[in-house]
């Protein structure tokens, strides 16, 4: 009985510690919002985003954890963490070395429904891949009227063109001039 009680107590302590960390973070956010007099709509967006991120990763930041590992191990762990991404058809012909390299450079972006990922006129500096759910691509023709150009789903690429080949010297100049012609919003 003592062993079982000890295990149950340990589990409860870990759950309480995670809950406590979440409460501390949320209190800090509330204080930040109060100090900077943020409007209610912005406050709600910030709080909703942080709650979603916390529940998505259980309060653990994978990138922070990986920093402790050597690069080769980081690549292997990242391949495992992002296996859903690397199993998409766009990567089916990529070599293992290419996938390990890409795994080290993956940056996860989480967007809550209704939030914009890209606005018209934003500089496009990266290739984005939809891993789950869907995005709406909207072209604003005027302030009163907008046109849905596309609905992006799992496996769709957007952002900077994959076929962009530019030399090293004109790279930064080229990136500054590549701008979005649409808005991209999470559904």
N, C-alpha and C. Protein backbone atom coordinates (compact mmCIF):
# COMPACT_ATOMS: atom_id res chain seq x y z
N UNK A 1 0.82 -1.20 0.00
CA UNK A 1 0.00 0.00 0.00
C UNK A 1 0.87 1.26 0.00
N UNK A 2 1.95 1.21 0.72
CA UNK A 2 2.84 2.38 0.82
C UNK A 2 3.42 2.74 -0.55
N UNK A 3 3.80 1.72 -1.34
CA UNK A 3 4.38 1.97 -2.67
C UNK A 3 3.34 2.60 -3.59
N UNK A 4 2.13 2.07 -3.59
CA UNK A 4 1.05 2.61 -4.42
C UNK A 4 0.75 4.04 -4.01
N UNK A 5 0.64 4.28 -2.71
CA UNK A 5 0.37 5.61 -2.20
C UNK A 5 1.49 6.58 -2.62
N UNK A 6 2.73 6.12 -2.55
CA UNK A 6 3.87 6.95 -2.95
C UNK A 6 3.80 7.32 -4.42
N UNK A 7 3.47 6.35 -5.28
CA UNK A 7 3.36 6.62 -6.72
C UNK A 7 2.23 7.61 -7.02
N UNK A 8 1.09 7.40 -6.39
CA UNK A 8 -0.05 8.30 -6.59
C UNK A 8 0.31 9.71 -6.12
N UNK A 9 0.97 9.81 -5.00
CA UNK A 9 1.39 11.13 -4.48
C UNK A 9 2.35 11.81 -5.45
N UNK A 10 3.26 11.05 -6.01
CA UNK A 10 4.22 11.58 -6.97
C UNK A 10 3.52 12.11 -8.23
N UNK A 11 2.56 11.36 -8.72
CA UNK A 11 1.80 11.77 -9.92
C UNK A 11 1.04 13.06 -9.64
N UNK A 12 0.40 13.14 -8.50
CA UNK A 12 -0.36 14.33 -8.13
C UNK A 12 0.57 15.53 -7.99
N UNK A 13 1.75 15.34 -7.41
CA UNK A 13 2.72 16.43 -7.27
C UNK A 13 3.15 16.97 -8.62
N UNK A 14 3.43 16.07 -9.58
CA UNK A 14 3.85 16.50 -10.93
C UNK A 14 2.74 17.27 -11.61
N UNK A 15 1.50 16.78 -11.46
CA UNK A 15 0.36 17.47 -12.06
C UNK A 15 0.20 18.86 -11.45
N UNK A 16 0.37 18.95 -10.13
CA UNK A 16 0.24 20.23 -9.45
C UNK A 16 1.36 21.18 -9.87
N UNK A 17 2.57 20.67 -10.05
CA UNK A 17 3.70 21.51 -10.46
C UNK A 17 3.45 22.12 -11.85
N UNK A 18 2.95 21.31 -12.80
CA UNK A 18 2.63 21.82 -14.13
C UNK A 18 1.54 22.87 -14.06
N UNK A 19 0.51 22.57 -13.28
CA UNK A 19 -0.60 23.51 -13.11
C UNK A 19 -0.10 24.81 -12.49
N UNK A 20 0.79 24.70 -11.53
CA UNK A 20 1.35 25.88 -10.87
C UNK A 20 2.17 26.72 -11.85
N UNK A 21 2.98 26.06 -12.69
CA UNK A 21 3.76 26.79 -13.70
C UNK A 21 2.84 27.53 -14.67
N UNK A 22 1.75 26.89 -15.07
CA UNK A 22 0.79 27.52 -15.96
C UNK A 22 0.17 28.74 -15.29
N UNK A 23 -0.23 28.59 -14.03
CA UNK A 23 -0.83 29.71 -13.30
C UNK A 23 0.14 30.88 -13.18
N UNK A 24 1.41 30.59 -12.90
CA UNK A 24 2.42 31.66 -12.79
C UNK A 24 2.55 32.38 -14.13
N UNK A 25 2.64 31.63 -15.22
CA UNK A 25 2.77 32.24 -16.54
C UNK A 25 1.55 33.09 -16.88
N UNK A 26 0.37 32.58 -16.61
CA UNK A 26 -0.86 33.33 -16.91
C UNK A 26 -0.95 34.60 -16.06
N UNK A 27 -0.53 34.52 -14.81
CA UNK A 27 -0.53 35.72 -13.95
C UNK A 27 0.45 36.76 -14.48
N UNK A 28 1.61 36.31 -14.95
CA UNK A 28 2.59 37.24 -15.53
C UNK A 28 2.00 37.90 -16.79
N UNK A 29 1.32 37.13 -17.60
CA UNK A 29 0.70 37.68 -18.81
C UNK A 29 -0.38 38.70 -18.45
N UNK A 30 -1.19 38.38 -17.47
CA UNK A 30 -2.24 39.32 -17.04
C UNK A 30 -1.63 40.63 -16.54
N UNK A 31 -0.54 40.52 -15.81
CA UNK A 31 0.15 41.72 -15.31
C UNK A 31 0.74 42.52 -16.46
N UNK A 32 1.35 41.83 -17.42
CA UNK A 32 1.90 42.48 -18.62
C UNK A 32 0.80 43.24 -19.37
N UNK A 33 -0.33 42.60 -19.54
CA UNK A 33 -1.46 43.21 -20.24
C UNK A 33 -1.97 44.42 -19.48
N UNK A 34 -2.06 44.31 -18.15
CA UNK A 34 -2.54 45.42 -17.32
C UNK A 34 -1.59 46.60 -17.37
N UNK A 35 -0.29 46.34 -17.24
CA UNK A 35 0.71 47.41 -17.24
C UNK A 35 0.70 48.19 -18.55
N UNK A 36 0.50 47.47 -19.65
CA UNK A 36 0.57 48.11 -20.97
C UNK A 36 -0.80 48.53 -21.51
N UNK A 37 -1.82 48.44 -20.67
CA UNK A 37 -3.17 48.91 -21.01
C UNK A 37 -3.64 48.38 -22.36
N UNK A 38 -3.54 47.08 -22.53
CA UNK A 38 -3.95 46.46 -23.79
C UNK A 38 -5.47 46.39 -23.87
N UNK A 39 -6.01 46.61 -25.06
CA UNK A 39 -7.47 46.52 -25.21
C UNK A 39 -7.97 45.09 -24.99
N UNK A 40 -9.24 44.97 -24.61
CA UNK A 40 -9.82 43.67 -24.28
C UNK A 40 -9.68 42.66 -25.42
N UNK A 41 -9.87 43.08 -26.66
CA UNK A 41 -9.79 42.13 -27.78
C UNK A 41 -8.37 41.57 -27.91
N UNK A 42 -7.37 42.42 -27.74
CA UNK A 42 -5.98 41.96 -27.81
C UNK A 42 -5.66 41.06 -26.61
N UNK A 43 -6.14 41.44 -25.45
CA UNK A 43 -5.95 40.63 -24.24
C UNK A 43 -6.52 39.23 -24.46
N UNK A 44 -7.72 39.15 -24.98
CA UNK A 44 -8.36 37.85 -25.20
C UNK A 44 -7.57 37.01 -26.19
N UNK A 45 -7.06 37.62 -27.24
CA UNK A 45 -6.26 36.89 -28.23
C UNK A 45 -4.98 36.34 -27.60
N UNK A 46 -4.32 37.15 -26.77
CA UNK A 46 -3.08 36.73 -26.10
C UNK A 46 -3.37 35.56 -25.16
N UNK A 47 -4.41 35.67 -24.37
CA UNK A 47 -4.73 34.63 -23.40
C UNK A 47 -5.13 33.33 -24.11
N UNK A 48 -5.94 33.45 -25.16
CA UNK A 48 -6.37 32.27 -25.91
C UNK A 48 -5.18 31.57 -26.55
N UNK A 49 -4.27 32.35 -27.12
CA UNK A 49 -3.09 31.77 -27.76
C UNK A 49 -2.25 31.01 -26.74
N UNK A 50 -1.98 31.62 -25.60
CA UNK A 50 -1.14 30.97 -24.59
C UNK A 50 -1.79 29.72 -24.00
N UNK A 51 -3.10 29.74 -23.83
CA UNK A 51 -3.78 28.54 -23.34
C UNK A 51 -3.68 27.42 -24.38
N UNK A 52 -3.84 27.77 -25.65
CA UNK A 52 -3.76 26.75 -26.71
C UNK A 52 -2.35 26.17 -26.80
N UNK A 53 -1.33 27.03 -26.76
CA UNK A 53 0.05 26.56 -26.82
C UNK A 53 0.37 25.66 -25.64
N UNK A 54 -0.05 26.07 -24.47
CA UNK A 54 0.22 25.29 -23.26
C UNK A 54 -0.41 23.90 -23.37
N UNK A 55 -1.66 23.85 -23.79
CA UNK A 55 -2.33 22.54 -23.87
C UNK A 55 -1.77 21.71 -25.01
N UNK A 56 -1.27 22.35 -26.06
CA UNK A 56 -0.71 21.64 -27.21
C UNK A 56 0.59 20.92 -26.85
N UNK A 57 1.42 21.52 -25.99
CA UNK A 57 2.73 20.94 -25.64
C UNK A 57 2.85 20.57 -24.17
N UNK A 58 1.76 20.63 -23.44
CA UNK A 58 1.76 20.31 -22.00
C UNK A 58 2.79 21.13 -21.23
N UNK A 59 3.01 22.36 -21.66
CA UNK A 59 3.92 23.24 -20.95
C UNK A 59 5.39 23.00 -21.21
N UNK A 60 5.72 22.15 -22.18
CA UNK A 60 7.12 21.84 -22.47
C UNK A 60 7.47 22.40 -23.84
N UNK A 61 8.51 23.22 -23.92
CA UNK A 61 8.96 23.78 -25.19
C UNK A 61 9.98 22.84 -25.82
N UNK A 62 9.59 22.18 -26.93
CA UNK A 62 10.50 21.20 -27.55
C UNK A 62 11.85 21.80 -27.97
N UNK A 63 11.84 23.03 -28.48
CA UNK A 63 13.09 23.65 -28.94
C UNK A 63 14.05 23.88 -27.76
N UNK A 64 13.51 24.25 -26.62
CA UNK A 64 14.35 24.43 -25.43
C UNK A 64 14.96 23.11 -24.98
N UNK A 65 14.17 22.06 -25.03
CA UNK A 65 14.67 20.74 -24.63
C UNK A 65 15.79 20.28 -25.56
N UNK A 66 15.64 20.53 -26.85
CA UNK A 66 16.62 20.06 -27.84
C UNK A 66 17.97 20.75 -27.71
N UNK A 67 18.00 21.96 -27.18
CA UNK A 67 19.26 22.71 -27.07
C UNK A 67 20.31 21.95 -26.25
N UNK A 68 19.86 21.07 -25.39
CA UNK A 68 20.77 20.32 -24.53
C UNK A 68 21.49 19.19 -25.26
N UNK A 69 20.98 18.79 -26.45
CA UNK A 69 21.51 17.64 -27.16
C UNK A 69 22.53 18.04 -28.21
N UNK A 70 23.45 17.13 -28.58
CA UNK A 70 24.36 17.40 -29.70
C UNK A 70 23.54 17.48 -31.00
N UNK A 71 24.10 18.14 -32.01
CA UNK A 71 23.38 18.43 -33.25
C UNK A 71 22.80 17.19 -33.93
N UNK A 72 23.58 16.12 -34.00
CA UNK A 72 23.10 14.88 -34.66
C UNK A 72 21.89 14.32 -33.93
N UNK A 73 21.92 14.33 -32.61
CA UNK A 73 20.80 13.84 -31.82
C UNK A 73 19.60 14.79 -31.96
N UNK A 74 19.86 16.10 -32.01
CA UNK A 74 18.80 17.07 -32.24
C UNK A 74 18.06 16.76 -33.54
N UNK A 75 18.84 16.45 -34.59
CA UNK A 75 18.25 16.14 -35.89
C UNK A 75 17.36 14.91 -35.81
N UNK A 76 17.84 13.87 -35.15
CA UNK A 76 17.06 12.63 -35.05
C UNK A 76 15.79 12.84 -34.22
N UNK A 77 15.90 13.57 -33.12
CA UNK A 77 14.73 13.84 -32.29
C UNK A 77 13.74 14.72 -33.06
N UNK A 78 14.26 15.72 -33.78
CA UNK A 78 13.39 16.59 -34.57
C UNK A 78 12.68 15.82 -35.68
N UNK A 79 13.39 14.88 -36.30
CA UNK A 79 12.75 14.03 -37.31
C UNK A 79 11.57 13.28 -36.70
N UNK A 80 11.77 12.80 -35.48
CA UNK A 80 10.69 12.09 -34.80
C UNK A 80 9.55 13.05 -34.43
N UNK A 81 9.89 14.20 -33.86
CA UNK A 81 8.87 15.16 -33.43
C UNK A 81 8.03 15.65 -34.60
N UNK A 82 8.67 15.86 -35.75
CA UNK A 82 7.97 16.40 -36.92
C UNK A 82 7.72 15.33 -37.98
N UNK A 83 7.58 14.09 -37.55
CA UNK A 83 7.38 12.98 -38.49
C UNK A 83 6.13 13.18 -39.35
N UNK A 84 5.09 13.79 -38.80
CA UNK A 84 3.88 14.06 -39.59
C UNK A 84 4.20 15.00 -40.75
N UNK A 85 5.09 15.94 -40.51
CA UNK A 85 5.50 16.88 -41.57
C UNK A 85 6.30 16.14 -42.63
N UNK A 86 7.29 15.37 -42.20
CA UNK A 86 8.20 14.73 -43.15
C UNK A 86 7.59 13.50 -43.84
N UNK A 87 6.40 13.08 -43.40
CA UNK A 87 5.69 12.00 -44.08
C UNK A 87 4.77 12.53 -45.18
N UNK A 88 4.68 13.85 -45.32
CA UNK A 88 3.83 14.43 -46.37
C UNK A 88 4.46 14.17 -47.74
N UNK A 89 3.63 14.08 -48.78
CA UNK A 89 4.12 13.77 -50.13
C UNK A 89 5.24 14.68 -50.64
N UNK A 90 5.24 15.93 -50.23
CA UNK A 90 6.26 16.87 -50.72
C UNK A 90 7.68 16.40 -50.36
N UNK A 91 7.82 15.58 -49.31
CA UNK A 91 9.13 15.12 -48.86
C UNK A 91 9.44 13.66 -49.25
N UNK A 92 8.58 13.03 -50.02
CA UNK A 92 8.73 11.59 -50.28
C UNK A 92 10.03 11.22 -50.98
N UNK A 93 10.59 12.11 -51.80
CA UNK A 93 11.83 11.79 -52.52
C UNK A 93 13.08 12.37 -51.86
N UNK A 94 12.92 13.01 -50.72
CA UNK A 94 14.07 13.62 -50.04
C UNK A 94 14.94 12.55 -49.38
N UNK A 95 16.25 12.77 -49.44
CA UNK A 95 17.18 11.83 -48.80
C UNK A 95 17.12 11.98 -47.29
N UNK A 96 17.61 10.98 -46.57
CA UNK A 96 17.64 11.02 -45.11
C UNK A 96 18.47 12.21 -44.62
N UNK A 97 19.60 12.49 -45.30
CA UNK A 97 20.45 13.63 -44.93
C UNK A 97 19.72 14.95 -45.11
N UNK A 98 18.99 15.07 -46.21
CA UNK A 98 18.21 16.28 -46.46
C UNK A 98 17.15 16.46 -45.38
N UNK A 99 16.46 15.38 -45.03
CA UNK A 99 15.42 15.45 -43.99
C UNK A 99 16.00 15.83 -42.63
N UNK A 100 17.20 15.28 -42.30
CA UNK A 100 17.84 15.65 -41.02
C UNK A 100 18.18 17.14 -41.02
N UNK A 101 18.71 17.65 -42.14
CA UNK A 101 19.03 19.07 -42.24
C UNK A 101 17.77 19.92 -42.06
N UNK A 102 16.71 19.57 -42.77
CA UNK A 102 15.46 20.32 -42.67
C UNK A 102 14.87 20.25 -41.26
N UNK A 103 14.99 19.07 -40.63
CA UNK A 103 14.44 18.89 -39.28
C UNK A 103 15.06 19.87 -38.29
N UNK A 104 16.33 20.19 -38.49
CA UNK A 104 17.00 21.15 -37.59
C UNK A 104 16.50 22.58 -37.80
N UNK A 105 15.86 22.84 -38.93
CA UNK A 105 15.44 24.20 -39.26
C UNK A 105 13.93 24.40 -39.24
N UNK A 106 13.20 23.37 -38.87
CA UNK A 106 11.75 23.49 -38.77
C UNK A 106 11.40 24.44 -37.64
N UNK A 107 10.48 25.30 -37.92
CA UNK A 107 9.96 26.21 -36.89
C UNK A 107 8.45 26.05 -36.89
N UNK A 108 7.94 25.60 -35.79
CA UNK A 108 6.51 25.37 -35.67
C UNK A 108 5.79 26.68 -35.38
N UNK A 109 4.73 26.92 -36.13
CA UNK A 109 3.91 28.11 -35.91
C UNK A 109 2.50 27.63 -35.61
N UNK A 110 1.97 28.05 -34.50
CA UNK A 110 0.62 27.69 -34.12
C UNK A 110 -0.24 28.94 -34.22
N UNK A 111 -1.35 28.83 -34.94
CA UNK A 111 -2.23 29.97 -35.12
C UNK A 111 -3.64 29.56 -34.71
N UNK A 112 -4.24 30.32 -33.82
CA UNK A 112 -5.60 30.02 -33.39
C UNK A 112 -6.58 30.47 -34.47
N UNK A 113 -7.74 29.83 -34.57
CA UNK A 113 -8.72 30.20 -35.59
C UNK A 113 -9.05 31.69 -35.57
N UNK A 114 -9.10 32.27 -36.76
CA UNK A 114 -9.41 33.68 -36.90
C UNK A 114 -8.20 34.59 -36.94
N UNK A 115 -7.03 34.07 -36.52
CA UNK A 115 -5.80 34.87 -36.54
C UNK A 115 -5.19 34.86 -37.93
N UNK A 116 -4.54 35.96 -38.27
CA UNK A 116 -3.86 36.07 -39.56
C UNK A 116 -2.41 35.61 -39.42
N UNK A 117 -2.00 34.80 -40.36
CA UNK A 117 -0.62 34.33 -40.42
C UNK A 117 0.19 35.27 -41.30
N UNK A 118 -0.43 35.74 -42.37
CA UNK A 118 0.21 36.66 -43.31
C UNK A 118 -0.81 37.73 -43.69
N UNK A 119 -0.35 38.98 -43.75
CA UNK A 119 -1.17 40.08 -44.22
C UNK A 119 -0.69 40.52 -45.60
N UNK A 120 -1.60 41.08 -46.37
CA UNK A 120 -1.25 41.63 -47.68
C UNK A 120 -0.10 42.62 -47.51
N UNK A 121 0.94 42.46 -48.31
CA UNK A 121 2.09 43.36 -48.27
C UNK A 121 3.21 42.90 -47.36
N UNK A 122 2.99 41.87 -46.55
CA UNK A 122 4.05 41.35 -45.68
C UNK A 122 5.18 40.79 -46.54
N UNK A 123 6.45 40.99 -46.12
CA UNK A 123 7.56 40.35 -46.85
C UNK A 123 7.50 38.84 -46.64
N UNK A 124 7.73 38.09 -47.71
CA UNK A 124 7.74 36.63 -47.64
C UNK A 124 9.18 36.17 -47.60
N UNK A 125 9.57 35.54 -46.49
CA UNK A 125 10.97 35.15 -46.30
C UNK A 125 11.14 33.66 -46.02
N UNK A 126 10.03 32.92 -46.01
CA UNK A 126 10.14 31.50 -45.71
C UNK A 126 9.06 30.72 -46.44
N UNK A 127 9.29 29.43 -46.55
CA UNK A 127 8.30 28.53 -47.13
C UNK A 127 7.51 27.95 -45.97
N UNK A 128 6.20 28.02 -46.07
CA UNK A 128 5.34 27.51 -45.00
C UNK A 128 4.58 26.30 -45.50
N UNK A 129 4.32 25.37 -44.60
CA UNK A 129 3.65 24.12 -44.93
C UNK A 129 2.52 23.91 -43.93
N UNK A 130 1.33 23.66 -44.44
CA UNK A 130 0.19 23.40 -43.56
C UNK A 130 0.29 21.95 -43.08
N UNK A 131 0.35 21.76 -41.76
CA UNK A 131 0.48 20.43 -41.18
C UNK A 131 -0.88 19.90 -40.73
N UNK A 132 -1.72 20.78 -40.23
CA UNK A 132 -3.05 20.33 -39.82
C UNK A 132 -4.04 21.48 -39.97
N UNK A 133 -5.29 21.13 -39.97
CA UNK A 133 -6.39 22.07 -40.11
C UNK A 133 -6.34 22.79 -41.45
N UNK A 134 -6.83 24.03 -41.51
CA UNK A 134 -6.87 24.71 -42.81
C UNK A 134 -6.71 26.21 -42.65
N UNK A 135 -6.32 26.82 -43.77
CA UNK A 135 -6.11 28.26 -43.85
C UNK A 135 -6.91 28.81 -45.02
N UNK A 136 -7.31 30.05 -44.91
CA UNK A 136 -8.06 30.71 -45.96
C UNK A 136 -7.18 31.80 -46.57
N UNK A 137 -7.06 31.80 -47.89
CA UNK A 137 -6.30 32.82 -48.59
C UNK A 137 -7.30 33.82 -49.17
N UNK A 138 -7.19 35.08 -48.74
CA UNK A 138 -8.15 36.11 -49.12
C UNK A 138 -7.44 37.25 -49.82
N UNK A 139 -8.00 37.65 -50.95
CA UNK A 139 -7.46 38.80 -51.67
C UNK A 139 -8.46 39.94 -51.50
N UNK A 140 -8.02 41.02 -50.88
CA UNK A 140 -8.89 42.18 -50.67
C UNK A 140 -8.91 43.03 -51.91
N UNK A 141 -10.09 43.16 -52.50
CA UNK A 141 -10.24 43.99 -53.69
C UNK A 141 -10.54 45.43 -53.30
N UNK A 142 -11.19 45.60 -52.18
CA UNK A 142 -11.46 46.93 -51.63
C UNK A 142 -11.71 46.76 -50.15
N UNK A 143 -11.91 47.86 -49.45
CA UNK A 143 -12.15 47.76 -48.01
C UNK A 143 -13.45 47.01 -47.71
N UNK A 144 -14.43 47.12 -48.59
CA UNK A 144 -15.72 46.51 -48.35
C UNK A 144 -15.83 45.09 -48.90
N UNK A 145 -15.00 44.74 -49.87
CA UNK A 145 -15.16 43.45 -50.55
C UNK A 145 -13.84 42.68 -50.56
N UNK A 146 -13.92 41.40 -50.23
CA UNK A 146 -12.76 40.53 -50.32
C UNK A 146 -13.16 39.26 -51.05
N UNK A 147 -12.16 38.60 -51.62
CA UNK A 147 -12.39 37.43 -52.44
C UNK A 147 -11.56 36.26 -51.90
N UNK A 148 -12.21 35.13 -51.58
CA UNK A 148 -11.48 33.95 -51.12
C UNK A 148 -10.83 33.33 -52.35
N UNK A 149 -9.49 33.30 -52.35
CA UNK A 149 -8.72 32.79 -53.47
C UNK A 149 -8.52 31.28 -53.34
N UNK A 150 -8.28 30.82 -52.11
CA UNK A 150 -8.01 29.39 -51.91
C UNK A 150 -8.22 29.02 -50.45
N UNK A 151 -8.45 27.73 -50.26
CA UNK A 151 -8.46 27.13 -48.93
C UNK A 151 -7.29 26.16 -48.92
N UNK A 152 -6.34 26.38 -48.01
CA UNK A 152 -5.17 25.53 -47.91
C UNK A 152 -5.40 24.48 -46.82
N UNK A 153 -4.97 23.25 -47.10
CA UNK A 153 -5.13 22.17 -46.14
C UNK A 153 -3.82 21.43 -45.94
N UNK A 154 -3.89 20.34 -45.22
CA UNK A 154 -2.72 19.54 -44.87
C UNK A 154 -1.88 19.22 -46.11
N UNK A 155 -0.58 19.56 -46.03
CA UNK A 155 0.36 19.26 -47.11
C UNK A 155 0.55 20.39 -48.10
N UNK A 156 -0.25 21.45 -48.01
CA UNK A 156 -0.11 22.57 -48.94
C UNK A 156 1.05 23.49 -48.54
N UNK A 157 1.81 23.92 -49.53
CA UNK A 157 2.92 24.87 -49.34
C UNK A 157 2.46 26.26 -49.74
N UNK A 158 2.98 27.28 -49.05
CA UNK A 158 2.73 28.67 -49.44
C UNK A 158 3.84 29.53 -48.87
N UNK A 159 3.83 30.80 -49.20
CA UNK A 159 4.88 31.72 -48.77
C UNK A 159 5.87 31.94 -49.87
N UNK A 160 7.15 32.01 -49.53
CA UNK A 160 8.21 32.20 -50.51
C UNK A 160 8.22 31.04 -51.48
N UNK A 161 8.36 31.32 -52.74
CA UNK A 161 8.31 30.28 -53.77
C UNK A 161 9.44 29.27 -53.58
N UNK A 162 9.10 27.99 -53.71
CA UNK A 162 10.08 26.93 -53.59
C UNK A 162 11.10 27.04 -54.72
N UNK A 163 10.68 27.58 -55.86
CA UNK A 163 11.56 27.66 -57.03
C UNK A 163 12.43 28.91 -57.03
N UNK A 164 12.40 29.71 -55.96
CA UNK A 164 13.22 30.92 -55.89
C UNK A 164 14.70 30.54 -55.86
N UNK A 165 15.41 30.81 -56.93
CA UNK A 165 16.86 30.60 -56.97
C UNK A 165 17.51 31.96 -57.17
N UNK A 166 18.20 32.43 -56.15
CA UNK A 166 18.86 33.71 -56.28
C UNK A 166 20.27 33.58 -55.72
N UNK A 167 21.17 34.35 -56.31
CA UNK A 167 22.56 34.25 -55.87
C UNK A 167 22.74 34.87 -54.49
N UNK A 168 23.83 34.53 -53.86
CA UNK A 168 24.12 34.92 -52.48
C UNK A 168 24.11 36.44 -52.29
N UNK A 169 24.66 37.19 -53.24
CA UNK A 169 24.78 38.64 -53.07
C UNK A 169 23.44 39.36 -53.15
N UNK A 170 22.54 38.89 -54.01
CA UNK A 170 21.27 39.60 -54.15
C UNK A 170 20.17 38.99 -53.28
N UNK A 171 20.53 38.04 -52.45
CA UNK A 171 19.56 37.32 -51.63
C UNK A 171 18.73 38.27 -50.77
N UNK A 172 19.35 39.11 -49.96
CA UNK A 172 18.60 39.97 -49.06
C UNK A 172 17.78 40.99 -49.84
N UNK A 173 18.32 41.50 -50.94
CA UNK A 173 17.57 42.46 -51.76
C UNK A 173 16.33 41.78 -52.34
N UNK A 174 16.49 40.54 -52.80
CA UNK A 174 15.38 39.79 -53.39
C UNK A 174 14.29 39.53 -52.35
N UNK A 175 14.69 39.14 -51.15
CA UNK A 175 13.72 38.83 -50.11
C UNK A 175 12.91 40.05 -49.71
N UNK A 176 13.53 41.21 -49.70
CA UNK A 176 12.83 42.44 -49.33
C UNK A 176 11.73 42.73 -50.35
N UNK A 177 11.95 42.37 -51.61
CA UNK A 177 11.00 42.69 -52.66
C UNK A 177 9.91 41.65 -52.87
N UNK A 178 9.98 40.51 -52.21
CA UNK A 178 8.95 39.49 -52.34
C UNK A 178 7.91 39.76 -51.25
N UNK A 179 6.72 40.18 -51.68
CA UNK A 179 5.68 40.55 -50.73
C UNK A 179 4.39 39.80 -51.03
N UNK A 180 3.62 39.55 -50.00
CA UNK A 180 2.36 38.83 -50.15
C UNK A 180 1.33 39.70 -50.88
N UNK A 181 0.58 39.07 -51.73
CA UNK A 181 -0.50 39.77 -52.42
C UNK A 181 -1.86 39.43 -51.81
N UNK A 182 -1.84 38.59 -50.75
CA UNK A 182 -3.09 38.16 -50.10
C UNK A 182 -2.91 38.11 -48.58
N UNK A 183 -4.03 37.96 -47.92
CA UNK A 183 -4.04 37.68 -46.49
C UNK A 183 -4.22 36.18 -46.32
N UNK A 184 -3.60 35.60 -45.28
CA UNK A 184 -3.77 34.18 -44.98
C UNK A 184 -4.23 34.09 -43.53
N UNK A 185 -5.41 33.48 -43.36
CA UNK A 185 -6.05 33.43 -42.04
C UNK A 185 -6.35 32.00 -41.65
N UNK A 186 -6.13 31.67 -40.37
CA UNK A 186 -6.42 30.33 -39.86
C UNK A 186 -7.93 30.12 -39.74
N UNK A 187 -8.37 28.96 -40.21
CA UNK A 187 -9.77 28.59 -40.03
C UNK A 187 -9.90 27.68 -38.82
